Amino acid sequence: MSASFKQVADIDLSSYSSGEGWAPIGEINVRNNTQYPNPFKGSYDGGGYAISNMNIKVERAWFGLFGYVNQATLSDIHLKNVFVEGTIYIGGLIGQAD
């Protein structure tokens, strides 16, 4: 979760559209009213390429392309045709950033 990544082509996430859809990069799991954070802490350079057809439909928190990031560097990311539905800490790119 602390590595560096560079996108080198467009990405189509339509194959992740059934059920809850896309599972976020970095998350906070909640079990027995206790939070277990596992944030993305690395860097992601989208290289100007598109990430398209992302679908998320959940009844939980901390969802987006990245669910939870902490001191991460995200740059040049282009989202197209994104649908996100959830409870709290929900976004197209990031659910929660610290």
Protein backbone atom coordinates (compact mmCIF):
# COMPACT_ATOMS: atom_id res chain seq x y z
CA MET A 1 0.00 0.00 0.00
CA SER A 2 3.01 2.31 -0.03
CA ALA A 3 4.37 1.56 -3.53
CA SER A 4 4.49 3.93 -6.51
CA PHE A 5 2.43 3.30 -9.64
CA LYS A 6 2.23 4.90 -13.09
CA GLN A 7 -0.72 4.19 -15.38
CA VAL A 8 0.44 3.50 -18.96
CA ALA A 9 -2.89 2.94 -20.77
CA ASP A 10 -6.62 3.59 -20.44
CA ILE A 11 -8.37 1.26 -17.96
CA ASP A 12 -11.95 0.03 -18.40
CA LEU A 13 -13.47 -1.18 -15.12
CA SER A 14 -16.80 -2.35 -16.63
CA SER A 15 -15.94 -5.97 -15.77
CA TYR A 16 -16.25 -4.93 -12.09
CA SER A 17 -19.83 -3.66 -12.49
CA SER A 18 -21.83 -6.54 -10.97
CA GLY A 19 -22.82 -6.69 -7.30
CA GLU A 20 -21.09 -3.99 -5.26
CA GLY A 21 -18.78 -3.20 -8.16
CA TRP A 22 -15.22 -1.96 -7.79
CA ALA A 23 -13.38 -2.76 -4.54
CA PRO A 24 -11.38 0.33 -3.51
CA ILE A 25 -7.62 0.63 -3.19
CA GLY A 26 -6.97 1.32 0.50
CA GLU A 27 -9.75 0.83 3.00
CA ILE A 28 -10.98 0.91 6.55
CA ASN A 29 -12.58 -2.32 7.68
CA VAL A 30 -15.03 -2.16 10.57
CA ARG A 31 -15.62 -5.24 12.70
CA ASN A 32 -17.33 -5.25 16.08
CA ASN A 33 -17.45 -1.43 16.07
CA THR A 34 -13.64 -1.28 15.75
CA GLN A 35 -11.91 0.33 12.76
CA TYR A 36 -8.96 -1.40 11.09
CA PRO A 37 -7.36 1.08 8.67
CA ASN A 38 -5.31 -0.07 5.69
CA PRO A 39 -4.78 3.17 3.75
CA PHE A 40 -3.02 3.66 0.45
CA LYS A 41 0.15 5.61 1.32
CA GLY A 42 2.01 5.48 -1.97
CA SER A 43 1.87 7.47 -5.17
CA TYR A 44 -0.27 7.03 -8.26
CA ASP A 45 0.37 8.93 -11.48
CA GLY A 46 -2.49 8.48 -13.94
CA GLY A 47 -0.27 9.62 -16.81
CA GLY A 48 -3.22 11.46 -18.34
CA TYR A 49 -4.95 8.20 -19.24
CA ALA A 50 -8.61 7.53 -18.43
CA ILE A 51 -10.14 5.15 -15.92
CA SER A 52 -13.68 4.53 -17.14
CA ASN A 53 -16.90 2.70 -16.31
CA MET A 54 -16.31 2.43 -12.56
CA ASN A 55 -19.41 1.31 -10.70
CA ILE A 56 -19.74 1.25 -6.90
CA LYS A 57 -23.00 0.55 -5.09
CA VAL A 58 -22.53 -0.22 -1.38
CA GLU A 59 -24.22 0.39 1.94
CA ARG A 60 -20.91 0.98 3.69
CA ALA A 61 -18.34 3.75 4.01
CA TRP A 62 -14.90 4.58 2.56
CA PHE A 63 -15.41 3.87 -1.11
CA GLY A 64 -14.10 5.37 -4.35
CA LEU A 65 -11.32 4.42 -6.74
CA PHE A 66 -9.28 4.86 -3.56
CA GLY A 67 -11.30 4.17 -0.42
CA TYR A 68 -8.88 5.63 2.14
CA VAL A 69 -5.58 7.41 1.52
CA ASN A 70 -3.12 8.73 4.07
CA GLN A 71 -0.23 10.96 2.95
CA ALA A 72 -0.54 9.61 -0.60
CA THR A 73 0.30 11.45 -3.80
CA LEU A 74 -2.28 11.16 -6.58
CA SER A 75 -1.80 13.00 -9.87
CA ASP A 76 -3.04 13.31 -13.46
CA ILE A 77 -5.97 10.90 -12.95
CA HIS A 78 -8.92 11.15 -15.36
CA LEU A 79 -12.22 9.44 -14.46
CA LYS A 80 -14.98 8.90 -17.07
CA ASN A 81 -18.47 7.43 -16.70
CA VAL A 82 -18.32 6.89 -12.93
CA PHE A 83 -21.26 5.87 -10.72
CA VAL A 84 -20.80 5.81 -6.93
CA GLU A 85 -23.52 5.23 -4.34
CA GLY A 86 -22.93 4.56 -0.63
CA THR A 87 -23.39 5.87 2.89
CA ILE A 88 -20.57 8.18 4.07
CA TYR A 89 -16.99 8.86 2.93
CA ILE A 90 -17.87 8.16 -0.71
CA GLY A 91 -16.34 9.78 -3.78
CA GLY A 92 -15.36 9.09 -7.36
CA LEU A 93 -11.64 9.37 -6.73
CA ILE A 94 -11.31 9.16 -2.92
CA GLY A 95 -13.64 8.19 -0.08
CA GLN A 96 -11.47 9.75 2.65
CA ALA A 97 -8.05 11.41 2.61
CA ASP A 98 -5.84 12.17 5.61
